[in-house]
C-alpha cells in the first residue's frame, strides 16, 4: 500500500508514542480512561484539527504538529502553527492553553515548554512519557526556570579550568542562552550528570 510522506511520518510517530507509554487513538474512538497518557489524532480545535492532542489524567496538556520528512530542516518555521493549536479551545472542552508543544517528522522532533520564562524549542531524542508530564506539572516552575536557581558548584577536587568551564555553562543556562555544540544535547547532559541522575522535561 502506497503511503504519502505525511502518513509515513504519522505511522512513525504513532510507534514512538506507543513506545513511550502513550495510547494512540483516533478522534472517532476516544477513551481517555484507556491509560495515563492518551494521544488523540486529528482532535478538533477552534482553528482546525490538530495532528495530535496529548492528554494526561484525562486533561489536555500538549500538541504535536507533524510534518513530512523533507520538512525537518524547517521545523522551527512551523512553531507558530503549533502554538496556535496550543492556545486554541478544544472541541467539547474549556481548556487552558496547552504547555507542551512538539513539531515532528517522526525522525526529527523539537519540543517547547511554554511555561519557560522565554519559551524556545529544543531538539529531543524522543517524546516525553506521560509520567514525566504528570510530575512536571506538579512543580511550580519549568525546567528552564529552575535552571536559573542552580546550586553553587562544589569546587573541591576540581581544577581551575573545570571550575571556569562549568561556571560559564551554569551562567549560560541561567541566562537561557543557546549553547553551540556538535551534539545539541551534549552540554545539557554533561552539566546534569555532575548533579546526579536527571529525569525531567
N, C-alpha and C. Protein backbone atom coordinates (compact mmCIF):
# COMPACT_ATOMS: atom_id res chain seq x y z
N UNK A 1 0.84 -1.20 0.00
CA UNK A 1 0.00 0.00 0.00
C UNK A 1 0.88 1.25 0.00
N UNK A 2 0.68 2.13 -0.97
CA UNK A 2 1.46 3.36 -1.04
C UNK A 2 0.93 4.36 -0.01
N UNK A 3 1.87 5.00 0.66
CA UNK A 3 1.51 6.00 1.67
C UNK A 3 2.13 7.34 1.31
N UNK A 4 1.45 8.40 1.67
CA UNK A 4 2.01 9.73 1.47
C UNK A 4 3.11 9.97 2.50
N UNK A 5 4.01 10.94 2.26
CA UNK A 5 5.04 11.25 3.25
C UNK A 5 4.44 11.61 4.62
N UNK A 6 3.30 12.29 4.63
CA UNK A 6 2.67 12.65 5.88
C UNK A 6 2.18 11.41 6.63
N UNK A 7 1.63 10.45 5.90
CA UNK A 7 1.16 9.21 6.53
C UNK A 7 2.32 8.41 7.09
N UNK A 8 3.44 8.38 6.36
CA UNK A 8 4.62 7.69 6.87
C UNK A 8 5.13 8.33 8.15
N UNK A 9 5.13 9.66 8.18
CA UNK A 9 5.56 10.37 9.38
C UNK A 9 4.65 10.04 10.56
N UNK A 10 3.35 10.02 10.33
CA UNK A 10 2.41 9.72 11.41
C UNK A 10 2.58 8.28 11.91
N UNK A 11 2.79 7.34 11.00
CA UNK A 11 3.00 5.96 11.42
C UNK A 11 4.22 5.86 12.32
N UNK A 12 5.28 6.57 11.96
CA UNK A 12 6.50 6.57 12.76
C UNK A 12 6.24 7.21 14.12
N UNK A 13 5.52 8.31 14.14
CA UNK A 13 5.20 8.99 15.40
C UNK A 13 4.30 8.12 16.27
N UNK A 14 3.33 7.44 15.66
CA UNK A 14 2.47 6.52 16.42
C UNK A 14 3.32 5.48 17.15
N UNK A 15 4.30 4.90 16.44
CA UNK A 15 5.14 3.87 17.06
C UNK A 15 5.96 4.45 18.20
N UNK A 16 6.49 5.66 18.00
CA UNK A 16 7.30 6.27 19.05
C UNK A 16 6.45 6.61 20.28
N UNK A 17 5.27 7.14 20.05
CA UNK A 17 4.39 7.47 21.17
C UNK A 17 4.03 6.21 21.96
N UNK A 18 3.70 5.15 21.25
CA UNK A 18 3.36 3.89 21.91
C UNK A 18 4.54 3.38 22.73
N UNK A 19 5.75 3.48 22.18
CA UNK A 19 6.95 3.03 22.90
C UNK A 19 7.21 3.86 24.14
N UNK A 20 6.72 5.10 24.14
CA UNK A 20 6.92 5.99 25.29
C UNK A 20 5.75 5.95 26.27
N UNK A 21 4.83 5.01 26.09
CA UNK A 21 3.76 4.81 27.06
C UNK A 21 2.45 5.49 26.76
N UNK A 22 2.30 6.05 25.55
CA UNK A 22 1.05 6.72 25.18
C UNK A 22 0.12 5.73 24.48
N UNK A 23 -1.17 5.89 24.73
CA UNK A 23 -2.19 5.15 24.00
C UNK A 23 -2.65 6.04 22.85
N UNK A 24 -2.41 5.61 21.62
CA UNK A 24 -2.76 6.43 20.46
C UNK A 24 -4.17 6.08 19.99
N UNK A 25 -5.00 7.10 19.82
CA UNK A 25 -6.40 6.89 19.43
C UNK A 25 -6.79 7.87 18.32
N UNK A 26 -7.81 7.51 17.56
CA UNK A 26 -8.39 8.42 16.59
C UNK A 26 -9.53 9.17 17.23
N UNK A 27 -9.84 10.35 16.72
CA UNK A 27 -10.87 11.20 17.32
C UNK A 27 -12.24 10.54 17.36
N UNK A 28 -12.48 9.57 16.49
CA UNK A 28 -13.78 8.90 16.47
C UNK A 28 -13.90 7.79 17.51
N UNK A 29 -12.77 7.46 18.14
CA UNK A 29 -12.77 6.37 19.12
C UNK A 29 -11.99 6.79 20.35
N UNK A 30 -12.44 7.85 21.00
CA UNK A 30 -11.71 8.39 22.15
C UNK A 30 -12.15 7.72 23.44
N UNK A 31 -11.16 7.26 24.20
CA UNK A 31 -11.39 6.74 25.55
C UNK A 31 -10.25 7.24 26.42
N UNK A 32 -10.47 8.34 27.09
CA UNK A 32 -9.40 8.95 27.88
C UNK A 32 -9.09 8.16 29.14
N UNK A 33 -9.86 7.12 29.41
CA UNK A 33 -9.57 6.24 30.54
C UNK A 33 -8.70 5.06 30.13
N UNK A 34 -8.28 5.02 28.87
CA UNK A 34 -7.52 3.87 28.38
C UNK A 34 -6.11 3.80 28.93
N UNK A 35 -5.61 4.89 29.46
CA UNK A 35 -4.26 4.90 30.02
C UNK A 35 -3.97 6.25 30.65
N UNK A 36 -2.84 6.33 31.34
CA UNK A 36 -2.44 7.61 31.93
C UNK A 36 -2.27 8.67 30.86
N UNK A 37 -1.62 8.29 29.74
CA UNK A 37 -1.41 9.22 28.64
C UNK A 37 -2.11 8.76 27.39
N UNK A 38 -2.92 9.62 26.79
CA UNK A 38 -3.64 9.30 25.57
C UNK A 38 -3.32 10.36 24.52
N UNK A 39 -2.92 9.91 23.34
CA UNK A 39 -2.64 10.81 22.22
C UNK A 39 -3.76 10.65 21.19
N UNK A 40 -4.54 11.69 20.99
CA UNK A 40 -5.70 11.63 20.08
C UNK A 40 -5.34 12.29 18.76
N UNK A 41 -5.47 11.54 17.69
CA UNK A 41 -5.16 12.06 16.36
C UNK A 41 -6.33 12.88 15.82
N UNK A 42 -6.00 13.97 15.15
CA UNK A 42 -6.98 14.81 14.43
C UNK A 42 -8.04 15.40 15.35
N UNK A 43 -7.64 15.74 16.56
CA UNK A 43 -8.61 16.33 17.50
C UNK A 43 -8.97 17.74 17.03
N UNK A 44 -10.26 18.04 17.04
CA UNK A 44 -10.73 19.32 16.52
C UNK A 44 -10.50 20.45 17.52
N UNK A 45 -9.94 21.55 17.01
CA UNK A 45 -9.78 22.77 17.80
C UNK A 45 -10.51 23.90 17.08
N UNK A 46 -10.56 25.06 17.71
CA UNK A 46 -11.26 26.18 17.09
C UNK A 46 -10.53 26.74 15.87
N UNK A 47 -9.27 26.30 15.64
CA UNK A 47 -8.54 26.73 14.46
C UNK A 47 -8.31 25.58 13.48
N UNK A 48 -9.00 24.48 13.70
CA UNK A 48 -8.86 23.32 12.83
C UNK A 48 -8.36 22.11 13.58
N UNK A 49 -8.30 20.95 12.91
CA UNK A 49 -7.86 19.72 13.58
C UNK A 49 -6.36 19.72 13.85
N UNK A 50 -5.99 19.41 15.08
CA UNK A 50 -4.58 19.26 15.44
C UNK A 50 -4.16 17.82 15.12
N UNK A 51 -2.93 17.64 14.68
CA UNK A 51 -2.46 16.29 14.34
C UNK A 51 -2.58 15.35 15.54
N UNK A 52 -2.11 15.80 16.70
CA UNK A 52 -2.26 15.03 17.94
C UNK A 52 -2.51 15.99 19.09
N UNK A 53 -3.43 15.64 19.96
CA UNK A 53 -3.57 16.30 21.25
C UNK A 53 -3.22 15.28 22.32
N UNK A 54 -2.37 15.67 23.24
CA UNK A 54 -1.91 14.77 24.30
C UNK A 54 -2.69 15.02 25.59
N UNK A 55 -3.21 13.94 26.16
CA UNK A 55 -3.96 14.01 27.41
C UNK A 55 -3.23 13.22 28.48
N UNK A 56 -3.13 13.79 29.67
CA UNK A 56 -2.58 13.09 30.83
C UNK A 56 -3.60 13.18 31.95
N UNK A 57 -3.96 12.03 32.51
CA UNK A 57 -5.02 12.00 33.53
C UNK A 57 -6.29 12.65 33.00
N UNK A 58 -6.58 12.41 31.72
CA UNK A 58 -7.81 12.88 31.05
C UNK A 58 -7.84 14.39 30.83
N UNK A 59 -6.71 15.06 31.06
CA UNK A 59 -6.64 16.50 30.84
C UNK A 59 -5.70 16.81 29.68
N UNK A 60 -6.06 17.74 28.78
CA UNK A 60 -5.17 18.07 27.66
C UNK A 60 -3.94 18.84 28.15
N UNK A 61 -2.77 18.38 27.72
CA UNK A 61 -1.53 19.02 28.17
C UNK A 61 -0.60 19.40 27.03
N UNK A 62 -0.82 18.83 25.82
CA UNK A 62 0.15 19.09 24.77
C UNK A 62 -0.39 18.85 23.38
N UNK A 63 0.41 19.24 22.40
CA UNK A 63 0.03 19.10 20.99
C UNK A 63 1.26 18.69 20.19
N UNK A 64 1.04 17.90 19.15
CA UNK A 64 2.11 17.53 18.21
C UNK A 64 1.69 17.96 16.82
N UNK A 65 2.53 18.74 16.18
CA UNK A 65 2.34 19.12 14.79
C UNK A 65 3.28 18.27 13.94
N UNK A 66 2.73 17.48 13.03
CA UNK A 66 3.57 16.60 12.22
C UNK A 66 3.86 17.21 10.85
N UNK A 67 5.05 16.90 10.35
CA UNK A 67 5.47 17.34 9.04
C UNK A 67 6.18 16.19 8.34
N UNK A 68 6.16 16.20 7.01
CA UNK A 68 6.84 15.14 6.28
C UNK A 68 8.36 15.28 6.42
N UNK A 69 9.04 14.18 6.13
CA UNK A 69 10.47 14.06 6.40
C UNK A 69 11.28 15.22 5.82
N UNK A 70 11.01 15.61 4.58
CA UNK A 70 11.84 16.63 3.94
C UNK A 70 11.67 18.01 4.55
N UNK A 71 10.69 18.19 5.41
CA UNK A 71 10.50 19.47 6.08
C UNK A 71 11.21 19.54 7.42
N UNK A 72 12.02 18.53 7.73
CA UNK A 72 12.71 18.50 9.01
C UNK A 72 13.59 19.71 9.26
N UNK A 73 14.24 20.21 8.20
CA UNK A 73 15.13 21.37 8.37
C UNK A 73 14.35 22.65 8.62
N UNK A 74 13.03 22.60 8.44
CA UNK A 74 12.19 23.80 8.61
C UNK A 74 11.25 23.69 9.81
N UNK A 75 11.53 22.79 10.74
CA UNK A 75 10.61 22.58 11.84
C UNK A 75 10.39 23.84 12.67
N UNK A 76 11.44 24.63 12.84
CA UNK A 76 11.28 25.84 13.64
C UNK A 76 10.34 26.84 12.98
N UNK A 77 10.19 26.73 11.66
CA UNK A 77 9.32 27.66 10.94
C UNK A 77 7.85 27.44 11.27
N UNK A 78 7.50 26.20 11.63
CA UNK A 78 6.08 25.88 11.89
C UNK A 78 5.71 25.98 13.36
N UNK A 79 6.62 26.51 14.18
CA UNK A 79 6.33 26.64 15.60
C UNK A 79 5.11 27.53 15.84
N UNK A 80 4.94 28.54 15.01
CA UNK A 80 3.78 29.42 15.15
C UNK A 80 2.48 28.67 14.94
N UNK A 81 2.47 27.75 13.99
CA UNK A 81 1.28 26.94 13.74
C UNK A 81 0.98 26.04 14.93
N UNK A 82 2.01 25.43 15.48
CA UNK A 82 1.83 24.58 16.66
C UNK A 82 1.29 25.39 17.84
N UNK A 83 1.82 26.59 18.00
CA UNK A 83 1.40 27.44 19.11
C UNK A 83 -0.07 27.84 18.98
N UNK A 84 -0.54 28.01 17.74
CA UNK A 84 -1.95 28.34 17.53
C UNK A 84 -2.86 27.25 18.08
N UNK A 85 -2.50 26.00 17.81
CA UNK A 85 -3.27 24.89 18.34
C UNK A 85 -3.20 24.86 19.87
N UNK A 86 -2.02 25.17 20.40
CA UNK A 86 -1.82 25.08 21.85
C UNK A 86 -2.67 26.09 22.61
N UNK A 87 -2.93 27.26 22.02
CA UNK A 87 -3.70 28.29 22.73
C UNK A 87 -5.18 28.28 22.35
N UNK A 88 -5.56 27.43 21.40
CA UNK A 88 -6.96 27.41 20.97
C UNK A 88 -7.79 26.53 21.88
N UNK A 89 -9.10 26.71 21.81
CA UNK A 89 -10.02 25.89 22.58
C UNK A 89 -10.24 24.56 21.85
N UNK A 90 -10.30 23.49 22.61
CA UNK A 90 -10.55 22.18 22.05
C UNK A 90 -12.05 21.89 22.06
N UNK A 91 -12.48 21.13 21.08
CA UNK A 91 -13.89 20.79 20.96
C UNK A 91 -14.36 20.05 22.21
N UNK A 92 -15.49 20.48 22.75
CA UNK A 92 -16.14 19.89 23.93
C UNK A 92 -15.40 20.20 25.24
N UNK A 93 -14.36 21.01 25.18
CA UNK A 93 -13.58 21.27 26.40
C UNK A 93 -13.41 22.77 26.61
N UNK A 94 -13.26 23.17 27.87
CA UNK A 94 -12.96 24.56 28.21
C UNK A 94 -11.55 24.56 28.81
N UNK A 95 -10.58 24.35 27.96
CA UNK A 95 -9.21 24.13 28.40
C UNK A 95 -8.41 25.42 28.49
N UNK A 96 -7.40 25.38 29.34
CA UNK A 96 -6.38 26.42 29.36
C UNK A 96 -5.40 26.15 28.22
N UNK A 97 -4.55 27.12 27.87
CA UNK A 97 -3.52 26.87 26.85
C UNK A 97 -2.68 25.64 27.22
N UNK A 98 -2.29 24.87 26.23
CA UNK A 98 -1.52 23.65 26.45
C UNK A 98 -0.03 24.00 26.57
N UNK A 99 0.64 23.56 27.63
CA UNK A 99 2.03 24.00 27.84
C UNK A 99 3.07 23.28 27.00
N UNK A 100 2.79 22.04 26.57
CA UNK A 100 3.82 21.22 25.93
C UNK A 100 3.54 21.07 24.43
N UNK A 101 4.51 21.48 23.61
CA UNK A 101 4.28 21.52 22.16
C UNK A 101 5.47 20.87 21.43
N UNK A 102 5.13 20.00 20.48
CA UNK A 102 6.13 19.35 19.64
C UNK A 102 5.89 19.68 18.18
N UNK A 103 6.98 19.68 17.41
CA UNK A 103 6.94 19.61 15.96
C UNK A 103 7.78 18.39 15.59
N UNK A 104 7.26 17.51 14.73
CA UNK A 104 7.99 16.28 14.47
C UNK A 104 7.76 15.76 13.05
N UNK A 105 8.82 15.18 12.48
CA UNK A 105 8.72 14.46 11.21
C UNK A 105 8.70 12.96 11.44
N UNK A 106 8.81 12.55 12.70
CA UNK A 106 8.97 11.13 13.02
C UNK A 106 10.43 10.76 13.14
N UNK A 107 11.32 11.52 12.48
CA UNK A 107 12.76 11.33 12.61
C UNK A 107 13.39 12.46 13.42
N UNK A 108 12.93 13.67 13.17
CA UNK A 108 13.39 14.85 13.92
C UNK A 108 12.23 15.40 14.71
N UNK A 109 12.50 15.74 15.96
CA UNK A 109 11.45 16.26 16.84
C UNK A 109 11.98 17.42 17.65
N UNK A 110 11.19 18.48 17.74
CA UNK A 110 11.53 19.63 18.58
C UNK A 110 10.42 19.80 19.61
N UNK A 111 10.81 20.32 20.78
CA UNK A 111 9.89 20.43 21.91
C UNK A 111 10.01 21.81 22.54
N UNK A 112 8.86 22.38 22.91
CA UNK A 112 8.82 23.66 23.62
C UNK A 112 7.96 23.51 24.86
N UNK A 113 8.46 23.99 25.98
CA UNK A 113 7.68 24.08 27.21
C UNK A 113 7.29 25.55 27.36
N UNK A 114 6.03 25.85 27.12
CA UNK A 114 5.59 27.24 27.13
C UNK A 114 5.44 27.81 28.54
N UNK A 115 5.82 27.04 29.54
CA UNK A 115 5.89 27.59 30.90
C UNK A 115 7.24 28.25 31.15
N UNK A 116 8.19 28.05 30.22
CA UNK A 116 9.52 28.62 30.38
C UNK A 116 9.47 30.15 30.41
N UNK A 117 10.43 30.79 31.07
CA UNK A 117 10.47 32.26 31.08
C UNK A 117 10.54 32.84 29.67
N UNK A 118 11.35 32.24 28.82
CA UNK A 118 11.45 32.64 27.40
C UNK A 118 11.32 31.37 26.57
N UNK A 119 10.10 30.95 26.27
CA UNK A 119 9.91 29.67 25.57
C UNK A 119 10.69 29.61 24.26
N UNK A 120 11.40 28.50 24.06
CA UNK A 120 12.17 28.29 22.84
C UNK A 120 12.26 26.79 22.62
N UNK A 121 12.06 26.35 21.39
CA UNK A 121 12.09 24.92 21.12
C UNK A 121 13.52 24.38 21.21
N UNK A 122 13.60 23.11 21.48
CA UNK A 122 14.89 22.42 21.51
C UNK A 122 14.70 21.02 20.94
N UNK A 123 15.73 20.46 20.33
CA UNK A 123 15.62 19.10 19.79
C UNK A 123 15.56 18.08 20.92
N UNK A 124 14.76 17.04 20.74
CA UNK A 124 14.69 15.95 21.72
C UNK A 124 14.84 14.63 20.97
N UNK A 125 15.35 13.63 21.68
CA UNK A 125 15.57 12.32 21.07
C UNK A 125 14.26 11.54 20.93
N UNK A 126 13.31 11.79 21.85
CA UNK A 126 12.06 11.03 21.85
C UNK A 126 10.99 11.86 22.55
N UNK A 127 9.76 11.42 22.43
CA UNK A 127 8.67 12.08 23.13
C UNK A 127 8.76 11.78 24.63
N UNK A 128 8.30 12.73 25.43
CA UNK A 128 8.29 12.51 26.88
C UNK A 128 7.22 11.48 27.24
N UNK A 129 7.44 10.79 28.32
CA UNK A 129 6.45 9.85 28.82
C UNK A 129 5.34 10.60 29.54
N UNK A 130 4.14 10.04 29.59
CA UNK A 130 3.04 10.70 30.33
C UNK A 130 3.41 10.96 31.78
N UNK A 131 4.15 10.03 32.40
CA UNK A 131 4.54 10.21 33.80
C UNK A 131 5.42 11.44 33.98
N UNK A 132 6.26 11.71 32.99
CA UNK A 132 7.14 12.89 33.07
C UNK A 132 6.32 14.17 33.04
N UNK A 133 5.31 14.22 32.18
CA UNK A 133 4.44 15.40 32.15
C UNK A 133 3.66 15.54 33.44
N UNK A 134 3.16 14.43 33.95
CA UNK A 134 2.37 14.50 35.19
C UNK A 134 3.22 15.05 36.33
N UNK A 135 4.45 14.55 36.46
CA UNK A 135 5.32 15.03 37.53
C UNK A 135 5.75 16.48 37.29
N UNK A 136 6.02 16.82 36.02
CA UNK A 136 6.44 18.18 35.70
C UNK A 136 5.37 19.20 36.01
N UNK A 137 4.13 18.84 35.79
CA UNK A 137 3.03 19.78 36.04
C UNK A 137 2.79 20.00 37.53
N UNK A 138 3.30 19.10 38.36
CA UNK A 138 3.16 19.27 39.81
C UNK A 138 4.14 20.30 40.36
N UNK A 139 5.18 20.60 39.56
CA UNK A 139 6.21 21.52 40.03
C UNK A 139 5.83 22.95 39.68
N UNK A 140 6.10 23.88 40.57
CA UNK A 140 5.69 25.27 40.32
C UNK A 140 6.48 25.96 39.21
N UNK A 141 7.66 25.40 38.87
CA UNK A 141 8.50 26.03 37.84
C UNK A 141 8.89 25.00 36.79
N UNK A 142 9.06 25.47 35.56
CA UNK A 142 9.54 24.60 34.49
C UNK A 142 11.03 24.35 34.67
N UNK A 143 11.57 23.41 33.87
CA UNK A 143 12.99 23.08 33.97
C UNK A 143 13.87 24.30 33.74
N UNK A 144 13.63 25.03 32.66
CA UNK A 144 14.49 26.18 32.35
C UNK A 144 14.38 27.26 33.41
N UNK A 145 13.22 27.37 34.03
CA UNK A 145 13.10 28.34 35.11
C UNK A 145 13.88 27.88 36.33
N UNK A 146 13.88 26.56 36.59
CA UNK A 146 14.65 26.04 37.72
C UNK A 146 16.15 26.13 37.46
N UNK A 147 16.55 26.12 36.18
CA UNK A 147 17.97 26.27 35.87
C UNK A 147 18.52 27.62 36.30
N UNK A 148 17.63 28.58 36.49
CA UNK A 148 18.06 29.88 36.99
C UNK A 148 18.49 29.80 38.45
N UNK A 149 18.08 28.71 39.13
CA UNK A 149 18.37 28.56 40.55
C UNK A 149 19.34 27.41 40.80
N UNK A 150 20.30 27.20 39.89
CA UNK A 150 21.26 26.13 40.06
C UNK A 150 22.06 26.33 41.35
N UNK A 151 22.36 25.24 42.06
CA UNK A 151 23.16 25.36 43.28
C UNK A 151 24.59 25.77 42.98
N UNK A 152 25.26 26.30 43.98
CA UNK A 152 26.66 26.69 43.82
C UNK A 152 27.50 25.45 43.56
N UNK A 153 28.41 25.53 42.62
CA UNK A 153 29.25 24.40 42.24
C UNK A 153 30.20 24.02 43.37
N UNK A 154 30.19 22.76 43.83
CA UNK A 154 31.21 22.31 44.81
C UNK A 154 32.58 22.28 44.12
N UNK A 155 33.55 23.02 44.65
CA UNK A 155 34.83 23.18 43.95
C UNK A 155 35.89 22.19 44.40
N UNK A 156 35.64 21.48 45.48
CA UNK A 156 36.65 20.56 46.00
C UNK A 156 37.00 19.51 44.96
N UNK A 157 38.29 19.36 44.69
CA UNK A 157 38.76 18.33 43.78
C UNK A 157 38.72 18.72 42.31
N UNK A 158 38.22 19.93 42.00
CA UNK A 158 38.14 20.36 40.61
C UNK A 158 39.31 21.27 40.26
N UNK A 159 39.77 21.17 39.04
CA UNK A 159 40.83 22.06 38.56
C UNK A 159 40.23 23.41 38.19
N UNK A 160 41.08 24.43 38.10
CA UNK A 160 40.60 25.78 37.77
C UNK A 160 39.86 25.80 36.44
N UNK A 161 40.39 25.06 35.45
CA UNK A 161 39.75 25.06 34.13
C UNK A 161 38.37 24.42 34.19
N UNK A 162 38.20 23.39 35.05
CA UNK A 162 36.89 22.76 35.21
C UNK A 162 35.90 23.71 35.88
N UNK A 163 36.38 24.42 36.88
CA UNK A 163 35.53 25.37 37.59
C UNK A 163 35.08 26.48 36.64
N UNK A 164 36.01 26.99 35.84
CA UNK A 164 35.67 28.06 34.89
C UNK A 164 34.67 27.58 33.85
N UNK A 165 34.92 26.41 33.28
CA UNK A 165 34.04 25.89 32.23
C UNK A 165 32.64 25.63 32.76
N UNK A 166 32.56 25.01 33.95
CA UNK A 166 31.25 24.67 34.50
C UNK A 166 30.50 25.92 34.94
N UNK A 167 31.21 26.86 35.52
CA UNK A 167 30.58 28.11 35.95
C UNK A 167 30.03 28.87 34.75
N UNK A 168 30.81 28.91 33.67
CA UNK A 168 30.34 29.58 32.44
C UNK A 168 29.10 28.88 31.88
N UNK A 169 29.11 27.54 31.93
CA UNK A 169 27.96 26.79 31.44
C UNK A 169 26.72 27.08 32.29
N UNK A 170 26.90 27.10 33.61
CA UNK A 170 25.79 27.43 34.51
C UNK A 170 25.24 28.82 34.21
N UNK A 171 26.14 29.77 33.98
CA UNK A 171 25.70 31.13 33.68
C UNK A 171 24.89 31.17 32.39
N UNK A 172 25.30 30.35 31.41
CA UNK A 172 24.56 30.29 30.15
C UNK A 172 23.16 29.73 30.36
N UNK A 173 23.07 28.67 31.19
CA UNK A 173 21.76 28.10 31.49
C UNK A 173 20.87 29.13 32.18
N UNK A 174 21.44 29.84 33.14
CA UNK A 174 20.65 30.83 33.88
C UNK A 174 20.18 31.96 32.96
N UNK A 175 20.99 32.28 31.96
CA UNK A 175 20.62 33.34 31.02
C UNK A 175 19.78 32.81 29.86
N UNK A 176 19.54 31.49 29.85
CA UNK A 176 18.73 30.85 28.80
C UNK A 176 19.33 31.07 27.43
N UNK A 177 20.66 30.88 27.34
CA UNK A 177 21.36 31.07 26.07
C UNK A 177 21.49 29.75 25.34
N UNK A 178 21.55 29.83 24.01
CA UNK A 178 21.83 28.65 23.22
C UNK A 178 23.30 28.30 23.35
N UNK A 179 23.61 27.00 23.46
CA UNK A 179 24.99 26.55 23.56
C UNK A 179 25.35 25.83 22.26
N UNK A 180 26.25 26.37 21.45
CA UNK A 180 26.61 25.69 20.20
C UNK A 180 27.47 24.46 20.47
N UNK A 181 26.99 23.28 20.07
CA UNK A 181 27.75 22.05 20.19
C UNK A 181 27.47 21.20 18.97
N UNK A 182 28.37 20.23 18.72
CA UNK A 182 28.12 19.28 17.64
C UNK A 182 26.88 18.47 17.94
N UNK A 183 26.73 18.05 19.19
CA UNK A 183 25.54 17.34 19.66
C UNK A 183 24.73 18.30 20.50
N UNK A 184 23.51 18.68 20.11
CA UNK A 184 22.76 19.69 20.84
C UNK A 184 22.40 19.29 22.25
N UNK A 185 22.54 17.99 22.59
CA UNK A 185 22.19 17.55 23.93
C UNK A 185 23.42 17.42 24.83
N UNK A 186 24.60 17.50 24.23
CA UNK A 186 25.82 17.16 24.95
C UNK A 186 26.06 18.05 26.16
N UNK A 187 26.00 19.36 25.97
CA UNK A 187 26.31 20.27 27.07
C UNK A 187 25.31 20.14 28.19
N UNK A 188 24.02 20.00 27.84
CA UNK A 188 23.00 19.93 28.86
C UNK A 188 23.22 18.72 29.75
N UNK A 189 23.46 17.55 29.13
CA UNK A 189 23.56 16.34 29.92
C UNK A 189 24.88 16.27 30.66
N UNK A 190 25.96 16.86 30.11
CA UNK A 190 27.22 16.86 30.84
C UNK A 190 27.09 17.68 32.11
N UNK A 191 26.33 18.77 32.06
CA UNK A 191 26.12 19.58 33.25
C UNK A 191 25.22 18.86 34.23
N UNK A 192 24.23 18.12 33.73
CA UNK A 192 23.29 17.44 34.61
C UNK A 192 23.95 16.29 35.34
N UNK A 193 24.90 15.59 34.67
CA UNK A 193 25.48 14.40 35.27
C UNK A 193 26.22 14.71 36.56
N UNK A 194 26.82 15.87 36.64
CA UNK A 194 27.58 16.15 37.86
C UNK A 194 26.68 16.46 39.05
N UNK A 195 25.39 16.68 38.77
CA UNK A 195 24.46 16.92 39.88
C UNK A 195 23.57 15.70 40.12
N UNK A 196 23.85 14.60 39.44
CA UNK A 196 23.09 13.38 39.68
C UNK A 196 22.18 13.07 38.52
N UNK A 197 21.47 11.91 38.61
CA UNK A 197 20.57 11.48 37.53
C UNK A 197 19.53 12.53 37.23
N UNK A 198 19.18 12.67 35.95
CA UNK A 198 18.24 13.70 35.54
C UNK A 198 17.09 13.09 34.78
N UNK A 199 15.88 13.24 35.29
CA UNK A 199 14.67 12.81 34.59
C UNK A 199 13.69 13.96 34.67
N UNK A 200 13.60 14.71 33.61
CA UNK A 200 12.78 15.92 33.66
C UNK A 200 12.41 16.34 32.26
N UNK A 201 11.63 17.44 32.18
CA UNK A 201 11.21 17.98 30.90
C UNK A 201 12.35 18.75 30.25
